[in-house]
């Protein structure tokens, strides 16, 4: 077990923070690339289409 895991008090708060930060960077990347949808949203749409088919 590494020191980072020990220092983190609440894993759920850290997870939400990481997801928000990831979403922020993904949105900024999408804007820089001129995309309207983030790769994460595209992946979710594709996965639901595969389930429906």
PDB file of N, CA and C in Angstrom:
ATOM      1  N   UNK A   1       0.849  -1.197   0.000  1.00  0.00           N
ATOM      2  CA  UNK A   1       0.000   0.000   0.000  1.00  0.00           C
ATOM      3  C   UNK A   1       0.887   1.250   0.000  1.00  0.00           C
ATOM      4  N   UNK A   2       0.602   2.166  -0.906  1.00  0.00           N
ATOM      5  CA  UNK A   2       1.446   3.355  -0.997  1.00  0.00           C
ATOM      6  C   UNK A   2       0.962   4.458  -0.061  1.00  0.00           C
ATOM      7  N   UNK A   3       1.766   5.491   0.102  1.00  0.00           N
ATOM      8  CA  UNK A   3       1.456   6.568   1.047  1.00  0.00           C
ATOM      9  C   UNK A   3       0.212   7.347   0.617  1.00  0.00           C
ATOM     10  N   UNK A   4      -0.005   7.488  -0.686  1.00  0.00           N
ATOM     11  CA  UNK A   4      -1.155   8.264  -1.154  1.00  0.00           C
ATOM     12  C   UNK A   4      -2.468   7.643  -0.685  1.00  0.00           C
ATOM     13  N   UNK A   5      -2.562   6.331  -0.743  1.00  0.00           N
ATOM     14  CA  UNK A   5      -3.795   5.659  -0.321  1.00  0.00           C
ATOM     15  C   UNK A   5      -4.048   5.880   1.160  1.00  0.00           C
ATOM     16  N   UNK A   6      -2.998   5.853   1.963  1.00  0.00           N
ATOM     17  CA  UNK A   6      -3.141   6.024   3.409  1.00  0.00           C
ATOM     18  C   UNK A   6      -3.591   7.446   3.748  1.00  0.00           C
ATOM     19  N   UNK A   7      -3.096   8.429   3.017  1.00  0.00           N
ATOM     20  CA  UNK A   7      -3.399   9.827   3.329  1.00  0.00           C
ATOM     21  C   UNK A   7      -4.815  10.223   2.916  1.00  0.00           C
ATOM     22  N   UNK A   8      -5.438   9.494   2.036  1.00  0.00           N
ATOM     23  CA  UNK A   8      -6.773   9.867   1.570  1.00  0.00           C
ATOM     24  C   UNK A   8      -7.834   9.432   2.576  1.00  0.00           C
ATOM     25  N   UNK A   9      -8.583  10.382   3.151  1.00  0.00           N
ATOM     26  CA  UNK A   9      -9.573  10.075   4.181  1.00  0.00           C
ATOM     27  C   UNK A   9     -10.843   9.439   3.624  1.00  0.00           C
ATOM     28  N   UNK A  10     -11.366   9.980   2.525  1.00  0.00           N
ATOM     29  CA  UNK A  10     -12.629   9.482   1.989  1.00  0.00           C
ATOM     30  C   UNK A  10     -12.464   9.194   0.502  1.00  0.00           C
ATOM     31  N   UNK A  11     -12.511   7.939   0.134  1.00  0.00           N
ATOM     32  CA  UNK A  11     -12.269   7.552  -1.252  1.00  0.00           C
ATOM     33  C   UNK A  11     -13.339   8.108  -2.191  1.00  0.00           C
ATOM     34  N   UNK A  12     -14.590   8.203  -1.715  1.00  0.00           N
ATOM     35  CA  UNK A  12     -15.664   8.691  -2.572  1.00  0.00           C
ATOM     36  C   UNK A  12     -15.437  10.156  -2.944  1.00  0.00           C
ATOM     37  N   UNK A  13     -14.988  10.971  -1.996  1.00  0.00           N
ATOM     38  CA  UNK A  13     -14.725  12.381  -2.286  1.00  0.00           C
ATOM     39  C   UNK A  13     -13.587  12.507  -3.290  1.00  0.00           C
ATOM     40  N   UNK A  14     -12.549  11.706  -3.106  1.00  0.00           N
ATOM     41  CA  UNK A  14     -11.414  11.741  -4.027  1.00  0.00           C
ATOM     42  C   UNK A  14     -11.859  11.319  -5.422  1.00  0.00           C
ATOM     43  N   UNK A  15     -12.687  10.286  -5.484  1.00  0.00           N
ATOM     44  CA  UNK A  15     -13.149   9.790  -6.783  1.00  0.00           C
ATOM     45  C   UNK A  15     -13.939  10.862  -7.521  1.00  0.00           C
ATOM     46  N   UNK A  16     -14.858  11.527  -6.815  1.00  0.00           N
ATOM     47  CA  UNK A  16     -15.660  12.586  -7.427  1.00  0.00           C
ATOM     48  C   UNK A  16     -14.751  13.720  -7.898  1.00  0.00           C
ATOM     49  N   UNK A  17     -13.778  14.094  -7.078  1.00  0.00           N
ATOM     50  CA  UNK A  17     -12.853  15.156  -7.452  1.00  0.00           C
ATOM     51  C   UNK A  17     -12.062  14.783  -8.692  1.00  0.00           C
ATOM     52  N   UNK A  18     -11.619  13.536  -8.755  1.00  0.00           N
ATOM     53  CA  UNK A  18     -10.841  13.082  -9.912  1.00  0.00           C
ATOM     54  C   UNK A  18     -11.706  13.079 -11.164  1.00  0.00           C
ATOM     55  N   UNK A  19     -12.961  12.648 -11.018  1.00  0.00           N
ATOM     56  CA  UNK A  19     -13.856  12.606 -12.168  1.00  0.00           C
ATOM     57  C   UNK A  19     -14.147  14.012 -12.679  1.00  0.00           C
ATOM     58  N   UNK A  20     -14.357  14.951 -11.756  1.00  0.00           N
ATOM     59  CA  UNK A  20     -14.614  16.331 -12.161  1.00  0.00           C
ATOM     60  C   UNK A  20     -13.398  16.913 -12.863  1.00  0.00           C
ATOM     61  N   UNK A  21     -12.208  16.622 -12.325  1.00  0.00           N
ATOM     62  CA  UNK A  21     -10.988  17.122 -12.941  1.00  0.00           C
ATOM     63  C   UNK A  21     -10.792  16.492 -14.312  1.00  0.00           C
ATOM     64  N   UNK A  22     -11.064  15.195 -14.417  1.00  0.00           N
ATOM     65  CA  UNK A  22     -10.935  14.506 -15.697  1.00  0.00           C
ATOM     66  C   UNK A  22     -11.919  15.080 -16.708  1.00  0.00           C
ATOM     67  N   UNK A  23     -13.155  15.329 -16.270  1.00  0.00           N
ATOM     68  CA  UNK A  23     -14.179  15.888 -17.150  1.00  0.00           C
ATOM     69  C   UNK A  23     -13.761  17.274 -17.634  1.00  0.00           C
ATOM     70  N   UNK A  24     -13.157  18.066 -16.735  1.00  0.00           N
ATOM     71  CA  UNK A  24     -12.704  19.405 -17.090  1.00  0.00           C
ATOM     72  C   UNK A  24     -11.647  19.334 -18.182  1.00  0.00           C
ATOM     73  N   UNK A  25     -10.631  18.477 -17.973  1.00  0.00           N
ATOM     74  CA  UNK A  25      -9.558  18.359 -18.957  1.00  0.00           C
ATOM     75  C   UNK A  25     -10.086  17.795 -20.271  1.00  0.00           C
ATOM     76  N   UNK A  26     -11.035  16.871 -20.184  1.00  0.00           N
ATOM     77  CA  UNK A  26     -11.608  16.285 -21.396  1.00  0.00           C
ATOM     78  C   UNK A  26     -12.378  17.341 -22.179  1.00  0.00           C
ATOM     79  N   UNK A  27     -13.143  18.176 -21.476  1.00  0.00           N
ATOM     80  CA  UNK A  27     -13.896  19.241 -22.135  1.00  0.00           C
ATOM     81  C   UNK A  27     -12.953  20.233 -22.798  1.00  0.00           C
ATOM     82  N   UNK A  28     -11.882  20.611 -22.096  1.00  0.00           N
ATOM     83  CA  UNK A  28     -10.912  21.550 -22.653  1.00  0.00           C
ATOM     84  C   UNK A  28     -10.253  20.951 -23.887  1.00  0.00           C
ATOM     85  N   UNK A  29      -9.931  19.651 -23.826  1.00  0.00           N
ATOM     86  CA  UNK A  29      -9.323  18.970 -24.973  1.00  0.00           C
ATOM     87  C   UNK A  29     -10.291  18.960 -26.155  1.00  0.00           C
ATOM     88  N   UNK A  30     -11.563  18.692 -25.872  1.00  0.00           N
ATOM     89  CA  UNK A  30     -12.567  18.642 -26.928  1.00  0.00           C
ATOM     90  C   UNK A  30     -12.718  20.015 -27.584  1.00  0.00           C
ATOM     91  N   UNK A  31     -12.693  21.073 -26.774  1.00  0.00           N
ATOM     92  CA  UNK A  31     -12.818  22.426 -27.317  1.00  0.00           C
ATOM     93  C   UNK A  31     -11.606  22.756 -28.188  1.00  0.00           C
ATOM     94  N   UNK A  32     -10.419  22.353 -27.733  1.00  0.00           N
ATOM     95  CA  UNK A  32      -9.203  22.618 -28.501  1.00  0.00           C
ATOM     96  C   UNK A  32      -9.236  21.868 -29.831  1.00  0.00           C
ATOM     97  N   UNK A  33      -9.818  20.672 -29.840  1.00  0.00           N
ATOM     98  CA  UNK A  33      -9.870  19.853 -31.047  1.00  0.00           C
ATOM     99  C   UNK A  33     -11.067  20.223 -31.919  1.00  0.00           C
ATOM    100  N   UNK A  34     -11.952  21.071 -31.390  1.00  0.00           N
ATOM    101  CA  UNK A  34     -13.123  21.473 -32.155  1.00  0.00           C
ATOM    102  C   UNK A  34     -14.231  20.431 -32.121  1.00  0.00           C
ATOM    103  N   UNK A  35     -14.238  19.586 -31.093  1.00  0.00           N
ATOM    104  CA  UNK A  35     -15.269  18.553 -30.976  1.00  0.00           C
ATOM    105  C   UNK A  35     -16.411  19.068 -30.106  1.00  0.00           C
ATOM    106  N   UNK A  36     -17.610  18.588 -30.386  1.00  0.00           N
ATOM    107  CA  UNK A  36     -18.760  18.992 -29.584  1.00  0.00           C
ATOM    108  C   UNK A  36     -19.047  17.988 -28.480  1.00  0.00           C
ATOM    109  N   UNK A  37     -18.554  16.764 -28.651  1.00  0.00           N
ATOM    110  CA  UNK A  37     -18.792  15.726 -27.649  1.00  0.00           C
ATOM    111  C   UNK A  37     -17.464  15.205 -27.132  1.00  0.00           C
ATOM    112  N   UNK A  38     -17.424  14.883 -25.851  1.00  0.00           N
ATOM    113  CA  UNK A  38     -16.203  14.339 -25.263  1.00  0.00           C
ATOM    114  C   UNK A  38     -16.110  12.854 -25.582  1.00  0.00           C
ATOM    115  N   UNK A  39     -14.904  12.298 -25.606  1.00  0.00           N
ATOM    116  CA  UNK A  39     -14.736  10.860 -25.860  1.00  0.00           C
ATOM    117  C   UNK A  39     -15.543  10.006 -24.885  1.00  0.00           C
ATOM    118  N   UNK A  40     -15.681  10.466 -23.634  1.00  0.00           N
ATOM    119  CA  UNK A  40     -16.430   9.698 -22.641  1.00  0.00           C
ATOM    120  C   UNK A  40     -17.903   9.614 -23.034  1.00  0.00           C
ATOM    121  N   UNK A  41     -18.483  10.736 -23.479  1.00  0.00           N
ATOM    122  CA  UNK A  41     -19.889  10.732 -23.877  1.00  0.00           C
ATOM    123  C   UNK A  41     -20.078   9.858 -25.115  1.00  0.00           C
ATOM    124  N   UNK A  42     -19.154   9.937 -26.070  1.00  0.00           N
ATOM    125  CA  UNK A  42     -19.242   9.118 -27.272  1.00  0.00           C
ATOM    126  C   UNK A  42     -19.175   7.645 -26.917  1.00  0.00           C
ATOM    127  N   UNK A  43     -18.325   7.298 -25.961  1.00  0.00           N
ATOM    128  CA  UNK A  43     -18.179   5.901 -25.549  1.00  0.00           C
ATOM    129  C   UNK A  43     -19.482   5.395 -24.930  1.00  0.00           C
ATOM    130  N   UNK A  44     -20.128   6.239 -24.120  1.00  0.00           N
ATOM    131  CA  UNK A  44     -21.381   5.831 -23.484  1.00  0.00           C
ATOM    132  C   UNK A  44     -22.467   5.642 -24.539  1.00  0.00           C
ATOM    133  N   UNK A  45     -22.529   6.544 -25.509  1.00  0.00           N
ATOM    134  CA  UNK A  45     -23.539   6.433 -26.564  1.00  0.00           C
ATOM    135  C   UNK A  45     -23.313   5.153 -27.369  1.00  0.00           C
ATOM    136  N   UNK A  46     -22.061   4.863 -27.701  1.00  0.00           N
ATOM    137  CA  UNK A  46     -21.753   3.663 -28.474  1.00  0.00           C
ATOM    138  C   UNK A  46     -22.112   2.410 -27.691  1.00  0.00           C
ATOM    139  N   UNK A  47     -21.829   2.399 -26.385  1.00  0.00           N
ATOM    140  CA  UNK A  47     -22.100   1.213 -25.574  1.00  0.00           C
ATOM    141  C   UNK A  47     -23.607   0.950 -25.497  1.00  0.00           C
ATOM    142  N   UNK A  48     -24.422   2.012 -25.389  1.00  0.00           N
ATOM    143  CA  UNK A  48     -25.867   1.812 -25.317  1.00  0.00           C
ATOM    144  C   UNK A  48     -26.404   1.338 -26.664  1.00  0.00           C
ATOM    145  N   UNK A  49     -25.826   1.809 -27.756  1.00  0.00           N
ATOM    146  CA  UNK A  49     -26.268   1.373 -29.077  1.00  0.00           C
ATOM    147  C   UNK A  49     -25.977  -0.108 -29.274  1.00  0.00           C
ATOM    148  N   UNK A  50     -24.825  -0.547 -28.806  1.00  0.00           N
ATOM    149  CA  UNK A  50     -24.470  -1.957 -28.934  1.00  0.00           C
ATOM    150  C   UNK A  50     -25.425  -2.823 -28.113  1.00  0.00           C
ATOM    151  N   UNK A  51     -25.827  -2.339 -26.931  1.00  0.00           N
ATOM    152  CA  UNK A  51     -26.743  -3.107 -26.081  1.00  0.00           C
ATOM    153  C   UNK A  51     -28.116  -3.204 -26.746  1.00  0.00           C
ATOM    154  N   UNK A  52     -28.558  -2.124 -27.372  1.00  0.00           N
ATOM    155  CA  UNK A  52     -29.863  -2.124 -28.020  1.00  0.00           C
ATOM    156  C   UNK A  52     -29.863  -3.069 -29.221  1.00  0.00           C
ATOM    157  N   UNK A  53     -28.755  -3.139 -29.921  1.00  0.00           N
ATOM    158  CA  UNK A  53     -28.651  -4.008 -31.095  1.00  0.00           C
ATOM    159  C   UNK A  53     -28.413  -5.443 -30.659  1.00  0.00           C
TER     160      UNK A  53
END
